[in-house]
Amino acid sequence: MFEESFRGFKEKYYGVRPITTNGWKSIFYRGPKKDEDGNMIMGPQGVPVEEDYA
């Protein structure tokens, strides 16, 4: 949409990471991994496999 206005704006970009756990939770959260049908994927011990979501 605004690609032309950003082109050539900067040569380098830097990512800034939150320091605290609460800061990370506002960006990422953990939850059960699901297959295509929406069912939880279980690990070898019968525990749900967790995945990071953004």
PDB file of N, CA and C in Angstrom:
ATOM      1  N   MET A   1       0.820  -1.181   0.000  1.00  0.00           N
ATOM      2  CA  MET A   1       0.000   0.000   0.000  1.00  0.00           C
ATOM      3  C   MET A   1       0.871   1.254   0.000  1.00  0.00           C
ATOM      4  N   PHE A   2       1.801   1.361   0.943  1.00  0.00           N
ATOM      5  CA  PHE A   2       2.670   2.523   1.022  1.00  0.00           C
ATOM      6  C   PHE A   2       4.098   2.158   0.638  1.00  0.00           C
ATOM      7  N   GLU A   3       4.258   1.166  -0.217  1.00  0.00           N
ATOM      8  CA  GLU A   3       5.588   0.671  -0.564  1.00  0.00           C
ATOM      9  C   GLU A   3       6.466   1.762  -1.151  1.00  0.00           C
ATOM     10  N   GLU A   4       5.923   2.582  -1.988  1.00  0.00           N
ATOM     11  CA  GLU A   4       6.722   3.644  -2.614  1.00  0.00           C
ATOM     12  C   GLU A   4       7.218   4.661  -1.598  1.00  0.00           C
ATOM     13  N   SER A   5       6.447   4.939  -0.560  1.00  0.00           N
ATOM     14  CA  SER A   5       6.878   5.930   0.423  1.00  0.00           C
ATOM     15  C   SER A   5       7.990   5.389   1.312  1.00  0.00           C
ATOM     16  N   PHE A   6       8.126   4.057   1.445  1.00  0.00           N
ATOM     17  CA  PHE A   6       9.179   3.470   2.273  1.00  0.00           C
ATOM     18  C   PHE A   6      10.434   3.133   1.485  1.00  0.00           C
ATOM     19  N   ARG A   7      10.343   3.011   0.203  1.00  0.00           N
ATOM     20  CA  ARG A   7      11.492   2.608  -0.603  1.00  0.00           C
ATOM     21  C   ARG A   7      12.607   3.641  -0.468  1.00  0.00           C
ATOM     22  N   GLY A   8      13.809   3.167  -0.091  1.00  0.00           N
ATOM     23  CA  GLY A   8      14.957   4.045   0.056  1.00  0.00           C
ATOM     24  C   GLY A   8      14.969   4.833   1.349  1.00  0.00           C
ATOM     25  N   PHE A   9      14.040   4.562   2.254  1.00  0.00           N
ATOM     26  CA  PHE A   9      13.961   5.310   3.502  1.00  0.00           C
ATOM     27  C   PHE A   9      15.167   5.036   4.383  1.00  0.00           C
ATOM     28  N   LYS A  10      15.500   3.755   4.593  1.00  0.00           N
ATOM     29  CA  LYS A  10      16.660   3.374   5.403  1.00  0.00           C
ATOM     30  C   LYS A  10      17.338   2.183   4.764  1.00  0.00           C
ATOM     31  N   GLU A  11      18.649   2.075   5.000  1.00  0.00           N
ATOM     32  CA  GLU A  11      19.379   0.921   4.490  1.00  0.00           C
ATOM     33  C   GLU A  11      19.374  -0.223   5.486  1.00  0.00           C
ATOM     34  N   LYS A  12      19.291   0.075   6.784  1.00  0.00           N
ATOM     35  CA  LYS A  12      19.295  -0.951   7.821  1.00  0.00           C
ATOM     36  C   LYS A  12      18.116  -0.752   8.761  1.00  0.00           C
ATOM     37  N   TYR A  13      17.586  -1.861   9.234  1.00  0.00           N
ATOM     38  CA  TYR A  13      16.518  -1.842  10.225  1.00  0.00           C
ATOM     39  C   TYR A  13      16.945  -2.708  11.399  1.00  0.00           C
ATOM     40  N   TYR A  14      16.569  -2.342  12.588  1.00  0.00           N
ATOM     41  CA  TYR A  14      16.914  -3.090  13.789  1.00  0.00           C
ATOM     42  C   TYR A  14      15.644  -3.479  14.527  1.00  0.00           C
ATOM     43  N   GLY A  15      15.620  -4.721  15.006  1.00  0.00           N
ATOM     44  CA  GLY A  15      14.495  -5.176  15.816  1.00  0.00           C
ATOM     45  C   GLY A  15      14.778  -4.901  17.278  1.00  0.00           C
ATOM     46  N   VAL A  16      13.779  -4.491  18.006  1.00  0.00           N
ATOM     47  CA  VAL A  16      13.919  -4.210  19.431  1.00  0.00           C
ATOM     48  C   VAL A  16      13.111  -5.255  20.184  1.00  0.00           C
ATOM     49  N   ARG A  17      13.795  -5.962  21.099  1.00  0.00           N
ATOM     50  CA  ARG A  17      13.132  -7.007  21.867  1.00  0.00           C
ATOM     51  C   ARG A  17      12.724  -6.495  23.241  1.00  0.00           C
ATOM     52  N   PRO A  18      11.553  -6.874  23.715  1.00  0.00           N
ATOM     53  CA  PRO A  18      11.155  -6.516  25.074  1.00  0.00           C
ATOM     54  C   PRO A  18      12.038  -7.244  26.092  1.00  0.00           C
ATOM     55  N   ILE A  19      12.316  -6.618  27.219  1.00  0.00           N
ATOM     56  CA  ILE A  19      13.177  -7.203  28.239  1.00  0.00           C
ATOM     57  C   ILE A  19      12.379  -8.103  29.179  1.00  0.00           C
ATOM     58  N   THR A  20      11.196  -7.695  29.554  1.00  0.00           N
ATOM     59  CA  THR A  20      10.432  -8.427  30.562  1.00  0.00           C
ATOM     60  C   THR A  20       9.567  -9.522  29.936  1.00  0.00           C
ATOM     61  N   THR A  21       9.157 -10.449  30.772  1.00  0.00           N
ATOM     62  CA  THR A  21       8.273 -11.524  30.331  1.00  0.00           C
ATOM     63  C   THR A  21       6.923 -10.969  29.898  1.00  0.00           C
ATOM     64  N   ASN A  22       6.432  -9.986  30.612  1.00  0.00           N
ATOM     65  CA  ASN A  22       5.141  -9.385  30.237  1.00  0.00           C
ATOM     66  C   ASN A  22       5.227  -8.707  28.880  1.00  0.00           C
ATOM     67  N   GLY A  23       6.376  -8.133  28.568  1.00  0.00           N
ATOM     68  CA  GLY A  23       6.564  -7.538  27.250  1.00  0.00           C
ATOM     69  C   GLY A  23       6.492  -8.576  26.149  1.00  0.00           C
ATOM     70  N   TRP A  24       7.124  -9.740  26.372  1.00  0.00           N
ATOM     71  CA  TRP A  24       7.070 -10.824  25.385  1.00  0.00           C
ATOM     72  C   TRP A  24       5.658 -11.359  25.236  1.00  0.00           C
ATOM     73  N   LYS A  25       4.928 -11.442  26.339  1.00  0.00           N
ATOM     74  CA  LYS A  25       3.568 -11.976  26.278  1.00  0.00           C
ATOM     75  C   LYS A  25       2.637 -11.072  25.481  1.00  0.00           C
ATOM     76  N   SER A  26       2.983  -9.804  25.355  1.00  0.00           N
ATOM     77  CA  SER A  26       2.154  -8.908  24.555  1.00  0.00           C
ATOM     78  C   SER A  26       2.393  -9.110  23.063  1.00  0.00           C
ATOM     79  N   ILE A  27       3.494  -9.793  22.709  1.00  0.00           N
ATOM     80  CA  ILE A  27       3.816 -10.041  21.302  1.00  0.00           C
ATOM     81  C   ILE A  27       3.593 -11.507  20.940  1.00  0.00           C
ATOM     82  N   PHE A  28       4.114 -12.414  21.772  1.00  0.00           N
ATOM     83  CA  PHE A  28       4.028 -13.848  21.529  1.00  0.00           C
ATOM     84  C   PHE A  28       3.262 -14.517  22.653  1.00  0.00           C
ATOM     85  N   TYR A  29       2.622 -15.608  22.354  1.00  0.00           N
ATOM     86  CA  TYR A  29       2.023 -16.426  23.400  1.00  0.00           C
ATOM     87  C   TYR A  29       2.171 -17.890  23.007  1.00  0.00           C
ATOM     88  N   ARG A  30       2.211 -18.758  24.007  1.00  0.00           N
ATOM     89  CA  ARG A  30       2.340 -20.190  23.773  1.00  0.00           C
ATOM     90  C   ARG A  30       0.965 -20.825  23.848  1.00  0.00           C
ATOM     91  N   GLY A  31       0.772 -21.810  22.996  1.00  0.00           N
ATOM     92  CA  GLY A  31      -0.487 -22.533  22.998  1.00  0.00           C
ATOM     93  C   GLY A  31      -0.298 -23.895  22.372  1.00  0.00           C
ATOM     94  N   PRO A  32      -1.303 -24.740  22.425  1.00  0.00           N
ATOM     95  CA  PRO A  32      -1.177 -26.082  21.859  1.00  0.00           C
ATOM     96  C   PRO A  32      -1.077 -26.034  20.340  1.00  0.00           C
ATOM     97  N   LYS A  33      -0.201 -26.880  19.803  1.00  0.00           N
ATOM     98  CA  LYS A  33      -0.061 -26.991  18.349  1.00  0.00           C
ATOM     99  C   LYS A  33      -1.253 -27.782  17.823  1.00  0.00           C
ATOM    100  N   LYS A  34      -1.812 -27.341  16.705  1.00  0.00           N
ATOM    101  CA  LYS A  34      -2.999 -27.991  16.154  1.00  0.00           C
ATOM    102  C   LYS A  34      -2.749 -28.418  14.717  1.00  0.00           C
ATOM    103  N   ASP A  35      -3.436 -29.487  14.307  1.00  0.00           N
ATOM    104  CA  ASP A  35      -3.320 -29.953  12.933  1.00  0.00           C
ATOM    105  C   ASP A  35      -4.300 -29.196  12.038  1.00  0.00           C
ATOM    106  N   GLU A  36      -4.424 -29.646  10.796  1.00  0.00           N
ATOM    107  CA  GLU A  36      -5.276 -28.946   9.824  1.00  0.00           C
ATOM    108  C   GLU A  36      -6.748 -28.938  10.228  1.00  0.00           C
ATOM    109  N   ASP A  37      -7.165 -29.961  10.985  1.00  0.00           N
ATOM    110  CA  ASP A  37      -8.568 -30.061  11.402  1.00  0.00           C
ATOM    111  C   ASP A  37      -8.860 -29.325  12.700  1.00  0.00           C
ATOM    112  N   GLY A  38      -7.828 -28.742  13.335  1.00  0.00           N
ATOM    113  CA  GLY A  38      -8.011 -28.021  14.584  1.00  0.00           C
ATOM    114  C   GLY A  38      -7.850 -28.877  15.825  1.00  0.00           C
ATOM    115  N   ASN A  39      -7.419 -30.135  15.654  1.00  0.00           N
ATOM    116  CA  ASN A  39      -7.208 -31.023  16.798  1.00  0.00           C
ATOM    117  C   ASN A  39      -5.819 -30.803  17.377  1.00  0.00           C
ATOM    118  N   MET A  40      -5.712 -30.893  18.726  1.00  0.00           N
ATOM    119  CA  MET A  40      -4.412 -30.720  19.372  1.00  0.00           C
ATOM    120  C   MET A  40      -3.493 -31.884  19.022  1.00  0.00           C
ATOM    121  N   ILE A  41      -2.218 -31.570  18.786  1.00  0.00           N
ATOM    122  CA  ILE A  41      -1.215 -32.591  18.507  1.00  0.00           C
ATOM    123  C   ILE A  41      -0.586 -32.998  19.829  1.00  0.00           C
ATOM    124  N   MET A  42      -0.578 -34.292  20.094  1.00  0.00           N
ATOM    125  CA  MET A  42      -0.015 -34.823  21.333  1.00  0.00           C
ATOM    126  C   MET A  42       1.394 -35.344  21.087  1.00  0.00           C
ATOM    127  N   GLY A  43       2.260 -35.152  22.088  1.00  0.00           N
ATOM    128  CA  GLY A  43       3.621 -35.657  22.025  1.00  0.00           C
ATOM    129  C   GLY A  43       3.674 -37.125  22.408  1.00  0.00           C
ATOM    130  N   PRO A  44       4.882 -37.701  22.452  1.00  0.00           N
ATOM    131  CA  PRO A  44       5.020 -39.126  22.760  1.00  0.00           C
ATOM    132  C   PRO A  44       4.519 -39.511  24.160  1.00  0.00           C
ATOM    133  N   GLN A  45       4.589 -38.607  25.129  1.00  0.00           N
ATOM    134  CA  GLN A  45       4.129 -38.915  26.484  1.00  0.00           C
ATOM    135  C   GLN A  45       2.649 -38.588  26.688  1.00  0.00           C
ATOM    136  N   GLY A  46       1.948 -38.204  25.640  1.00  0.00           N
ATOM    137  CA  GLY A  46       0.539 -37.856  25.757  1.00  0.00           C
ATOM    138  C   GLY A  46       0.295 -36.425  26.195  1.00  0.00           C
ATOM    139  N   VAL A  47       1.353 -35.612  26.199  1.00  0.00           N
ATOM    140  CA  VAL A  47       1.251 -34.203  26.589  1.00  0.00           C
ATOM    141  C   VAL A  47       1.113 -33.371  25.314  1.00  0.00           C
ATOM    142  N   PRO A  48       0.224 -32.376  25.301  1.00  0.00           N
ATOM    143  CA  PRO A  48       0.086 -31.538  24.101  1.00  0.00           C
ATOM    144  C   PRO A  48       1.398 -30.830  23.746  1.00  0.00           C
ATOM    145  N   VAL A  49       1.708 -30.793  22.463  1.00  0.00           N
ATOM    146  CA  VAL A  49       2.887 -30.089  21.968  1.00  0.00           C
ATOM    147  C   VAL A  49       2.549 -28.609  21.933  1.00  0.00           C
ATOM    148  N   GLU A  50       3.438 -27.768  22.497  1.00  0.00           N
ATOM    149  CA  GLU A  50       3.178 -26.329  22.516  1.00  0.00           C
ATOM    150  C   GLU A  50       3.914 -25.639  21.381  1.00  0.00           C
ATOM    151  N   GLU A  51       3.360 -24.513  20.959  1.00  0.00           N
ATOM    152  CA  GLU A  51       3.905 -23.758  19.841  1.00  0.00           C
ATOM    153  C   GLU A  51       3.811 -22.272  20.175  1.00  0.00           C
ATOM    154  N   ASP A  52       4.747 -21.488  19.653  1.00  0.00           N
ATOM    155  CA  ASP A  52       4.707 -20.037  19.836  1.00  0.00           C
ATOM    156  C   ASP A  52       3.847 -19.414  18.745  1.00  0.00           C
ATOM    157  N   TYR A  53       3.007 -18.477  19.142  1.00  0.00           N
ATOM    158  CA  TYR A  53       2.163 -17.742  18.204  1.00  0.00           C
ATOM    159  C   TYR A  53       2.498 -16.263  18.293  1.00  0.00           C
ATOM    160  N   ALA A  54       2.417 -15.599  17.165  1.00  0.00           N
ATOM    161  CA  ALA A  54       2.675 -14.157  17.156  1.00  0.00           C
ATOM    162  C   ALA A  54       1.391 -13.407  16.914  1.00  0.00           C
TER     163      ALA A  54
END
